[in-house]
Structure formats: structure tokens, C-alpha cells
Amino acid sequence: MWKIFARNTSVTHVSFWESIDEMPLFDWRKCMDGNIEFVNKEQKQHEANEKQWIKLHDQYLKKFGIGEKFKKYLKLIREKALLECDYVITKERFKLTEIDIMKTKIDALQMNFGNGQTIEQSLIHLSKWLGYGLKIKETTVVEFYTIVNEYGKWANKENGNSRSGSLQGH
């Protein structure tokens, strides 16, 4: 007797965040930390997660650009990668020390990109400035970064500084 084995072809439907205008800051930060399953509302593993994350991140870059701190972060990542390549090629052990130093610099920037503050601490300060509470799971990506930019403009004006500043930078 022949048995026919049918493959499970059912497609699991996943509802993605389509825009940073609707995506909560909480999910954005999870994605930024490498948990890209937060690009979908169910936080499930899905083959399209990476593609959707790229789409959302492109939206962010088009709207807000890359801040100076993030450019510095990318430069440090590049330098670390070059040091790692040098080590693989040369096998010179002192390169490992240089790599560790670079990791420390990266970790310092990666912690928060914002004057020693976490996202949660920034939300507290912004809430005080606004006069109402911001919640990480209710505040959208666009709302948060727009408020951060406005706060930076206000703080610079108050301090008589013409440079743009902010609590957070991407």
C-alpha cells in the first residue's frame, strides 16, 4: 500500500508592524538589540522578519538620519572588524588586546547612545519635560525620536548652544 505524505503547506499568518509611525518603542528597542521577531506583532519567528526589519529601519533613516554618535559607533564596529581580520591574517596576539579595547569602546557607546541614559531613563526625563508620562509600550518610534529631537532643540536654546543635542541618538 502506498502512503502519500503531504507536506504541511499551511502558511502561518503574521501581522507585521508596517511603519515606524505605529511601531511601539519597546518593540523597536528589542529589534535594535537583535530580537527581530519583534517586527511582527506576535513576536514569532518568521522568514520575512529580516526583510521587514530592513524596511522599518530604512523608514527610520529616511525620517531621522544617522546621528553623530551612531556614525562613531559604526566607525568603531568597522575598526574592530579590521582588527579581527588583521589578527586572522597575522596571528599577532597583541591584536587581541586591541580588539578588546575596541569592544570596550563599542560597549560604552552601545549602552544607550545618550549621555549615560537608558531609554527608560530618557522617557522619565522627557515625561517631566512634557508634563505627562511616556510609556515605552505605547510611545511609537516616530513619537519618541521626534520628542527627543524637540527636547534637544529646546535644551540647546536654553543653554545658548547652537549645536543640535538630544537625549538619545540612533
N, C-alpha and C. Protein backbone atom coordinates (compact mmCIF):
# COMPACT_ATOMS: atom_id res chain seq x y z
N MET A 1 0.83 -1.17 0.00
CA MET A 1 0.00 0.00 0.00
C MET A 1 0.88 1.24 0.00
N TRP A 2 0.51 2.18 -0.85
CA TRP A 2 1.27 3.43 -0.97
C TRP A 2 0.72 4.46 0.00
N LYS A 3 1.63 5.04 0.68
CA LYS A 3 1.22 6.14 1.56
C LYS A 3 1.74 7.43 0.96
N ILE A 4 0.86 8.36 0.90
CA ILE A 4 1.26 9.66 0.38
C ILE A 4 1.39 10.60 1.58
N PHE A 5 2.59 11.12 1.69
CA PHE A 5 2.83 12.07 2.77
C PHE A 5 2.70 13.49 2.23
N ALA A 6 1.76 14.17 2.75
CA ALA A 6 1.55 15.56 2.31
C ALA A 6 2.34 16.49 3.22
N ARG A 7 3.02 17.41 2.59
CA ARG A 7 3.74 18.43 3.35
C ARG A 7 2.75 19.42 3.92
N ASN A 8 3.06 19.91 5.08
CA ASN A 8 2.22 20.94 5.67
C ASN A 8 2.50 22.24 4.93
N THR A 9 1.55 22.66 4.12
CA THR A 9 1.75 23.87 3.32
C THR A 9 0.97 25.05 3.89
N SER A 10 0.42 24.86 5.08
CA SER A 10 -0.32 25.98 5.65
C SER A 10 0.66 27.10 5.99
N VAL A 11 0.27 28.28 5.62
CA VAL A 11 1.11 29.45 5.87
C VAL A 11 0.62 30.12 7.14
N THR A 12 1.53 30.27 8.07
CA THR A 12 1.14 30.96 9.29
C THR A 12 1.15 32.45 9.03
N HIS A 13 0.02 33.06 9.28
CA HIS A 13 -0.10 34.50 9.04
C HIS A 13 0.51 35.26 10.22
N VAL A 14 1.33 36.22 9.89
CA VAL A 14 1.95 37.05 10.90
C VAL A 14 1.63 38.51 10.56
N SER A 15 1.23 39.24 11.55
CA SER A 15 0.90 40.65 11.36
C SER A 15 2.14 41.49 11.70
N PHE A 16 2.69 42.16 10.68
CA PHE A 16 3.90 42.95 10.86
C PHE A 16 3.59 44.40 11.20
N TRP A 17 4.52 45.03 11.90
CA TRP A 17 4.48 46.48 12.02
C TRP A 17 4.86 47.01 10.65
N GLU A 18 4.01 47.80 10.04
CA GLU A 18 4.25 48.29 8.69
C GLU A 18 4.97 49.62 8.65
N SER A 19 4.96 50.33 9.78
CA SER A 19 5.52 51.68 9.79
C SER A 19 6.06 52.00 11.17
N ILE A 20 7.10 52.84 11.20
CA ILE A 20 7.61 53.29 12.49
C ILE A 20 6.65 54.30 13.13
N ASP A 21 5.66 54.76 12.36
CA ASP A 21 4.62 55.63 12.92
C ASP A 21 3.71 54.86 13.87
N GLU A 22 3.62 53.54 13.70
CA GLU A 22 2.74 52.73 14.54
C GLU A 22 3.50 51.79 15.47
N MET A 23 4.76 51.52 15.18
CA MET A 23 5.53 50.55 15.96
C MET A 23 5.89 51.11 17.34
N PRO A 24 5.59 50.36 18.41
CA PRO A 24 5.95 50.82 19.75
C PRO A 24 7.47 50.85 19.95
N LEU A 25 7.91 51.80 20.74
CA LEU A 25 9.33 51.95 21.04
C LEU A 25 9.90 50.69 21.68
N PHE A 26 9.11 50.01 22.50
CA PHE A 26 9.54 48.77 23.13
C PHE A 26 9.97 47.74 22.09
N ASP A 27 9.12 47.54 21.08
CA ASP A 27 9.43 46.56 20.02
C ASP A 27 10.64 47.01 19.20
N TRP A 28 10.74 48.32 18.95
CA TRP A 28 11.88 48.87 18.20
C TRP A 28 13.19 48.56 18.93
N ARG A 29 13.22 48.81 20.24
CA ARG A 29 14.45 48.58 21.00
C ARG A 29 14.79 47.09 21.01
N LYS A 30 13.79 46.22 21.10
CA LYS A 30 14.04 44.78 21.05
C LYS A 30 14.70 44.43 19.72
N CYS A 31 14.19 44.99 18.63
CA CYS A 31 14.79 44.75 17.31
C CYS A 31 16.21 45.28 17.26
N MET A 32 16.42 46.46 17.81
CA MET A 32 17.76 47.06 17.82
C MET A 32 18.75 46.20 18.60
N ASP A 33 18.23 45.46 19.58
CA ASP A 33 19.07 44.56 20.37
C ASP A 33 19.25 43.19 19.70
N GLY A 34 18.70 43.03 18.49
CA GLY A 34 18.88 41.79 17.74
C GLY A 34 17.72 40.83 17.78
N ASN A 35 16.66 41.18 18.47
CA ASN A 35 15.47 40.31 18.56
C ASN A 35 14.46 40.73 17.49
N ILE A 36 14.78 40.44 16.23
CA ILE A 36 13.96 40.98 15.14
C ILE A 36 12.58 40.34 15.01
N GLU A 37 12.29 39.33 15.82
CA GLU A 37 10.93 38.79 15.79
C GLU A 37 9.93 39.83 16.29
N PHE A 38 10.40 40.91 16.91
CA PHE A 38 9.51 41.97 17.37
C PHE A 38 9.03 42.87 16.23
N VAL A 39 9.45 42.59 14.99
CA VAL A 39 8.90 43.33 13.85
C VAL A 39 7.48 42.86 13.55
N ASN A 40 7.12 41.70 14.09
CA ASN A 40 5.74 41.27 13.94
C ASN A 40 5.05 41.32 15.30
N LYS A 41 3.78 41.57 15.25
CA LYS A 41 3.01 41.85 16.47
C LYS A 41 2.90 40.65 17.40
N GLU A 42 3.12 39.46 16.86
CA GLU A 42 3.04 38.24 17.67
C GLU A 42 4.42 37.82 18.20
N GLN A 43 5.46 38.51 17.79
CA GLN A 43 6.84 38.20 18.16
C GLN A 43 7.21 36.75 17.84
N LYS A 44 6.82 36.31 16.65
CA LYS A 44 7.09 34.94 16.21
C LYS A 44 8.25 34.93 15.23
N GLN A 45 8.95 33.81 15.19
CA GLN A 45 9.96 33.60 14.17
C GLN A 45 9.25 33.50 12.83
N HIS A 46 9.74 34.20 11.84
CA HIS A 46 9.13 34.17 10.52
C HIS A 46 10.19 34.51 9.50
N GLU A 47 10.11 33.88 8.34
CA GLU A 47 11.13 34.09 7.31
C GLU A 47 11.19 35.53 6.80
N ALA A 48 10.11 36.27 6.95
CA ALA A 48 10.07 37.65 6.45
C ALA A 48 10.49 38.69 7.50
N ASN A 49 10.84 38.25 8.71
CA ASN A 49 11.20 39.19 9.77
C ASN A 49 12.36 40.11 9.37
N GLU A 50 13.41 39.52 8.84
CA GLU A 50 14.59 40.32 8.49
C GLU A 50 14.26 41.36 7.42
N LYS A 51 13.52 40.94 6.42
CA LYS A 51 13.13 41.87 5.35
C LYS A 51 12.30 43.02 5.91
N GLN A 52 11.38 42.70 6.82
CA GLN A 52 10.53 43.73 7.43
C GLN A 52 11.36 44.66 8.31
N TRP A 53 12.33 44.11 9.03
CA TRP A 53 13.21 44.94 9.87
C TRP A 53 13.98 45.94 9.01
N ILE A 54 14.49 45.49 7.90
CA ILE A 54 15.23 46.38 6.99
C ILE A 54 14.31 47.50 6.50
N LYS A 55 13.08 47.14 6.16
CA LYS A 55 12.10 48.14 5.70
C LYS A 55 11.84 49.19 6.78
N LEU A 56 11.62 48.74 8.01
CA LEU A 56 11.35 49.67 9.11
C LEU A 56 12.57 50.53 9.42
N HIS A 57 13.73 49.92 9.40
CA HIS A 57 14.95 50.68 9.70
C HIS A 57 15.22 51.70 8.60
N ASP A 58 14.94 51.35 7.36
CA ASP A 58 15.07 52.32 6.26
C ASP A 58 14.13 53.51 6.48
N GLN A 59 12.92 53.24 6.96
CA GLN A 59 11.99 54.33 7.26
C GLN A 59 12.59 55.27 8.31
N TYR A 60 13.20 54.67 9.33
CA TYR A 60 13.82 55.47 10.38
C TYR A 60 14.93 56.36 9.80
N LEU A 61 15.79 55.75 8.99
CA LEU A 61 16.90 56.51 8.42
C LEU A 61 16.43 57.64 7.51
N LYS A 62 15.39 57.39 6.74
CA LYS A 62 14.85 58.44 5.87
C LYS A 62 14.27 59.59 6.68
N LYS A 63 13.64 59.28 7.79
CA LYS A 63 12.98 60.30 8.59
C LYS A 63 13.94 61.05 9.52
N PHE A 64 14.87 60.32 10.15
CA PHE A 64 15.71 60.92 11.18
C PHE A 64 17.20 60.96 10.85
N GLY A 65 17.63 60.18 9.86
CA GLY A 65 19.05 60.15 9.51
C GLY A 65 19.87 59.40 10.53
N ILE A 66 21.17 59.52 10.38
CA ILE A 66 22.10 58.87 11.30
C ILE A 66 22.76 59.96 12.14
N GLY A 67 22.65 59.83 13.44
CA GLY A 67 23.26 60.79 14.35
C GLY A 67 24.78 60.62 14.41
N GLU A 68 25.44 61.64 14.94
CA GLU A 68 26.90 61.61 15.05
C GLU A 68 27.39 60.47 15.92
N LYS A 69 26.70 60.21 17.01
CA LYS A 69 27.12 59.11 17.90
C LYS A 69 27.00 57.77 17.18
N PHE A 70 25.96 57.62 16.39
CA PHE A 70 25.80 56.36 15.67
C PHE A 70 26.86 56.22 14.58
N LYS A 71 27.22 57.32 13.94
CA LYS A 71 28.32 57.27 12.96
C LYS A 71 29.61 56.83 13.64
N LYS A 72 29.85 57.36 14.84
CA LYS A 72 31.04 56.97 15.60
C LYS A 72 30.98 55.48 15.95
N TYR A 73 29.80 55.02 16.34
CA TYR A 73 29.59 53.61 16.66
C TYR A 73 29.91 52.73 15.45
N LEU A 74 29.38 53.11 14.28
CA LEU A 74 29.65 52.34 13.06
C LEU A 74 31.13 52.33 12.72
N LYS A 75 31.80 53.46 12.94
CA LYS A 75 33.24 53.54 12.69
C LYS A 75 34.00 52.58 13.61
N LEU A 76 33.60 52.52 14.87
CA LEU A 76 34.25 51.60 15.82
C LEU A 76 34.01 50.14 15.44
N ILE A 77 32.80 49.84 14.99
CA ILE A 77 32.49 48.47 14.54
C ILE A 77 33.40 48.10 13.37
N ARG A 78 33.56 49.03 12.45
CA ARG A 78 34.41 48.81 11.27
C ARG A 78 35.86 48.58 11.70
N GLU A 79 36.35 49.42 12.60
CA GLU A 79 37.73 49.29 13.08
C GLU A 79 37.94 47.95 13.79
N LYS A 80 36.96 47.53 14.56
CA LYS A 80 37.05 46.23 15.25
C LYS A 80 37.11 45.09 14.23
N ALA A 81 36.28 45.19 13.21
CA ALA A 81 36.28 44.15 12.17
C ALA A 81 37.63 44.10 11.46
N LEU A 82 38.21 45.25 11.18
CA LEU A 82 39.53 45.28 10.54
C LEU A 82 40.60 44.68 11.45
N LEU A 83 40.52 44.97 12.74
CA LEU A 83 41.47 44.37 13.69
C LEU A 83 41.31 42.85 13.73
N GLU A 84 40.07 42.39 13.70
CA GLU A 84 39.82 40.94 13.70
C GLU A 84 40.39 40.29 12.44
N CYS A 85 40.25 40.97 11.31
CA CYS A 85 40.83 40.46 10.06
C CYS A 85 42.35 40.43 10.15
N ASP A 86 42.92 41.49 10.69
CA ASP A 86 44.37 41.54 10.87
C ASP A 86 44.85 40.38 11.74
N TYR A 87 44.12 40.09 12.81
CA TYR A 87 44.51 39.00 13.68
C TYR A 87 44.45 37.67 12.95
N VAL A 88 43.40 37.45 12.19
CA VAL A 88 43.26 36.19 11.45
C VAL A 88 44.42 36.02 10.47
N ILE A 89 44.79 37.13 9.83
CA ILE A 89 45.87 37.07 8.84
C ILE A 89 47.24 36.93 9.49
N THR A 90 47.52 37.75 10.51
CA THR A 90 48.87 37.82 11.08
C THR A 90 49.08 36.90 12.28
N LYS A 91 48.03 36.53 12.97
CA LYS A 91 48.09 35.74 14.21
C LYS A 91 48.90 36.44 15.31
N GLU A 92 49.05 37.76 15.20
CA GLU A 92 49.76 38.53 16.21
C GLU A 92 48.86 38.70 17.42
N ARG A 93 49.31 38.19 18.58
CA ARG A 93 48.47 38.16 19.78
C ARG A 93 48.10 39.54 20.31
N PHE A 94 48.94 40.55 20.09
CA PHE A 94 48.61 41.88 20.61
C PHE A 94 47.37 42.45 19.92
N LYS A 95 47.02 41.90 18.77
CA LYS A 95 45.79 42.33 18.09
C LYS A 95 44.56 42.00 18.94
N LEU A 96 44.65 40.91 19.73
CA LEU A 96 43.54 40.54 20.61
C LEU A 96 43.31 41.61 21.68
N THR A 97 44.41 42.20 22.17
CA THR A 97 44.29 43.29 23.14
C THR A 97 43.64 44.50 22.49
N GLU A 98 44.06 44.81 21.27
CA GLU A 98 43.46 45.94 20.55
C GLU A 98 41.97 45.69 20.29
N ILE A 99 41.62 44.45 19.99
CA ILE A 99 40.22 44.08 19.76
C ILE A 99 39.42 44.27 21.05
N ASP A 100 39.99 43.85 22.19
CA ASP A 100 39.30 44.02 23.48
C ASP A 100 39.10 45.49 23.82
N ILE A 101 40.09 46.31 23.53
CA ILE A 101 39.96 47.75 23.76
C ILE A 101 38.84 48.32 22.91
N MET A 102 38.79 47.88 21.66
CA MET A 102 37.74 48.35 20.75
C MET A 102 36.37 47.90 21.24
N LYS A 103 36.26 46.66 21.74
CA LYS A 103 34.99 46.15 22.28
C LYS A 103 34.52 47.02 23.44
N THR A 104 35.45 47.44 24.29
CA THR A 104 35.10 48.29 25.43
C THR A 104 34.56 49.63 24.95
N LYS A 105 35.18 50.21 23.94
CA LYS A 105 34.70 51.47 23.38
C LYS A 105 33.31 51.31 22.77
N ILE A 106 33.12 50.20 22.06
CA ILE A 106 31.82 49.93 21.43
C ILE A 106 30.75 49.74 22.50
N ASP A 107 31.07 48.97 23.54
CA ASP A 107 30.10 48.73 24.62
C ASP A 107 29.68 50.04 25.29
N ALA A 108 30.64 50.93 25.47
CA ALA A 108 30.34 52.22 26.10
C ALA A 108 29.34 53.01 25.26
N LEU A 109 29.54 53.01 23.95
CA LEU A 109 28.59 53.72 23.07
C LEU A 109 27.28 52.96 22.93
N GLN A 110 27.38 51.65 22.84
CA GLN A 110 26.20 50.83 22.59
C GLN A 110 25.22 50.82 23.76
N MET A 111 25.73 51.09 24.94
CA MET A 111 24.88 51.02 26.12
C MET A 111 23.58 51.79 25.92
N ASN A 112 23.67 52.95 25.32
CA ASN A 112 22.45 53.75 25.24
C ASN A 112 22.49 54.88 24.23
N PHE A 113 23.63 55.26 23.76
CA PHE A 113 23.74 56.38 22.82
C PHE A 113 23.15 57.66 23.40
N GLY A 114 23.16 57.84 24.69
CA GLY A 114 22.50 59.04 25.20
C GLY A 114 22.97 59.55 26.53
N ASN A 115 24.15 60.12 26.59
CA ASN A 115 24.62 60.80 27.81
C ASN A 115 24.48 59.94 29.06
N GLY A 116 24.80 58.65 28.95
CA GLY A 116 24.74 57.77 30.10
C GLY A 116 23.34 57.37 30.52
N GLN A 117 22.37 57.49 29.64
CA GLN A 117 20.99 57.18 29.99
C GLN A 117 20.46 56.03 29.16
N THR A 118 19.64 55.22 29.81
CA THR A 118 18.93 54.18 29.08
C THR A 118 17.68 54.80 28.45
N ILE A 119 17.02 54.06 27.60
CA ILE A 119 15.75 54.52 27.02
C ILE A 119 14.75 54.84 28.13
N GLU A 120 14.68 53.97 29.12
CA GLU A 120 13.73 54.18 30.21
C GLU A 120 14.05 55.47 30.97
N GLN A 121 15.33 55.75 31.22
CA GLN A 121 15.70 57.00 31.89
C GLN A 121 15.36 58.20 31.01
N SER A 122 15.60 58.07 29.72
CA SER A 122 15.24 59.17 28.80
C SER A 122 13.75 59.42 28.83
N LEU A 123 12.94 58.35 28.88
CA LEU A 123 11.49 58.52 28.94
C LEU A 123 11.07 59.27 30.21
N ILE A 124 11.75 59.02 31.32
CA ILE A 124 11.44 59.72 32.56
C ILE A 124 11.71 61.22 32.40
N HIS A 125 12.89 61.56 31.87
CA HIS A 125 13.24 62.97 31.69
C HIS A 125 12.31 63.66 30.69
N LEU A 126 12.02 62.97 29.60
CA LEU A 126 11.12 63.54 28.61
C LEU A 126 9.71 63.72 29.18
N SER A 127 9.27 62.77 30.00
CA SER A 127 7.96 62.86 30.63
C SER A 127 7.89 64.09 31.54
N LYS A 128 8.95 64.31 32.30
CA LYS A 128 8.98 65.51 33.16
C LYS A 128 8.92 66.77 32.31
N TRP A 129 9.66 66.79 31.22
CA TRP A 129 9.70 67.96 30.34
C TRP A 129 8.33 68.21 29.70
N LEU A 130 7.68 67.13 29.28
CA LEU A 130 6.38 67.24 28.62
C LEU A 130 5.24 67.50 29.60
N GLY A 131 5.40 67.03 30.83
CA GLY A 131 4.33 67.17 31.81
C GLY A 131 3.36 66.01 31.82
N TYR A 132 3.69 64.95 31.12
CA TYR A 132 2.88 63.73 31.15
C TYR A 132 3.78 62.52 30.89
N GLY A 133 3.33 61.37 31.34
CA GLY A 133 4.14 60.16 31.26
C GLY A 133 4.17 59.53 29.88
N LEU A 134 5.36 59.15 29.47
CA LEU A 134 5.54 58.39 28.24
C LEU A 134 5.77 56.94 28.62
N LYS A 135 5.07 56.04 27.96
CA LYS A 135 5.21 54.62 28.24
C LYS A 135 5.87 53.94 27.06
N ILE A 136 6.87 53.13 27.34
CA ILE A 136 7.69 52.52 26.29
C ILE A 136 6.87 51.62 25.37
N LYS A 137 5.81 51.01 25.88
CA LYS A 137 4.98 50.12 25.05
C LYS A 137 3.87 50.86 24.31
N GLU A 138 3.66 52.14 24.64
CA GLU A 138 2.61 52.92 24.00
C GLU A 138 3.16 54.01 23.09
N THR A 139 4.38 54.45 23.35
CA THR A 139 5.01 55.50 22.56
C THR A 139 5.57 54.90 21.29
N THR A 140 5.26 55.50 20.14
CA THR A 140 5.77 54.97 18.88
C THR A 140 7.20 55.45 18.64
N VAL A 141 7.85 54.80 17.71
CA VAL A 141 9.22 55.17 17.34
C VAL A 141 9.28 56.62 16.88
N VAL A 142 8.38 57.00 15.98
CA VAL A 142 8.37 58.36 15.45
C VAL A 142 8.10 59.36 16.57
N GLU A 143 7.14 59.05 17.41
CA GLU A 143 6.80 59.96 18.51
C GLU A 143 8.02 60.17 19.42
N PHE A 144 8.68 59.09 19.80
CA PHE A 144 9.82 59.19 20.71
C PHE A 144 10.94 60.03 20.10
N TYR A 145 11.37 59.69 18.90
CA TYR A 145 12.51 60.39 18.31
C TYR A 145 12.17 61.84 17.93
N THR A 146 10.92 62.10 17.63
CA THR A 146 10.51 63.48 17.39
C THR A 146 10.59 64.28 18.69
N ILE A 147 10.11 63.70 19.78
CA ILE A 147 10.19 64.37 21.08
C ILE A 147 11.65 64.57 21.48
N VAL A 148 12.48 63.56 21.28
CA VAL A 148 13.90 63.68 21.60
C VAL A 148 14.53 64.83 20.82
N ASN A 149 14.23 64.92 19.53
CA ASN A 149 14.79 66.00 18.71
C ASN A 149 14.31 67.37 19.20
N GLU A 150 13.02 67.46 19.52
CA GLU A 150 12.48 68.72 20.02
C GLU A 150 13.09 69.09 21.37
N TYR A 151 13.27 68.09 22.23
CA TYR A 151 13.90 68.34 23.52
C TYR A 151 15.34 68.84 23.31
N GLY A 152 16.04 68.24 22.38
CA GLY A 152 17.41 68.66 22.08
C GLY A 152 17.46 70.10 21.62
N LYS A 153 16.54 70.48 20.75
CA LYS A 153 16.47 71.88 20.28
C LYS A 153 16.20 72.82 21.46
N TRP A 154 15.24 72.45 22.30
CA TRP A 154 14.88 73.27 23.44
C TRP A 154 16.07 73.39 24.41
N ALA A 155 16.73 72.26 24.70
CA ALA A 155 17.86 72.27 25.64
C ALA A 155 19.00 73.13 25.11
N ASN A 156 19.27 73.05 23.83
CA ASN A 156 20.33 73.86 23.24
C ASN A 156 19.98 75.34 23.28
N LYS A 157 18.73 75.65 23.04
CA LYS A 157 18.28 77.04 23.09
C LYS A 157 18.41 77.57 24.52
N GLU A 158 18.01 76.76 25.49
CA GLU A 158 18.11 77.14 26.90
C GLU A 158 19.56 77.35 27.33
N ASN A 159 20.45 76.54 26.78
CA ASN A 159 21.87 76.62 27.14
C ASN A 159 22.64 77.57 26.23
N GLY A 160 21.96 78.17 25.27
CA GLY A 160 22.63 79.08 24.34
C GLY A 160 23.58 78.37 23.40
N ASN A 161 23.29 77.11 23.12
CA ASN A 161 24.16 76.29 22.28
C ASN A 161 23.47 76.12 20.93
N SER A 162 24.17 76.41 19.84
CA SER A 162 23.56 76.29 18.52
C SER A 162 23.64 74.87 17.96
N ARG A 163 24.46 74.03 18.56
CA ARG A 163 24.58 72.64 18.12
C ARG A 163 23.33 71.86 18.49
N SER A 164 22.92 70.95 17.63
CA SER A 164 21.75 70.15 17.98
C SER A 164 22.17 69.07 18.96
N GLY A 165 21.39 68.89 20.00
CA GLY A 165 21.68 67.89 21.01
C GLY A 165 20.45 67.07 21.29
N SER A 166 20.63 65.95 21.97
CA SER A 166 19.47 65.13 22.30
C SER A 166 19.81 64.18 23.41
N LEU A 167 18.78 63.60 23.97
CA LEU A 167 18.96 62.57 24.98
C LEU A 167 19.43 61.28 24.35
N GLN A 168 18.91 60.96 23.20
CA GLN A 168 19.20 59.70 22.53
C GLN A 168 19.63 59.96 21.10
N GLY A 169 20.50 59.15 20.60
CA GLY A 169 20.85 59.20 19.19
C GLY A 169 20.89 57.79 18.65
N HIS A 170 20.50 57.60 17.46
CA HIS A 170 20.49 56.26 16.86
C HIS A 170 21.86 55.92 16.38
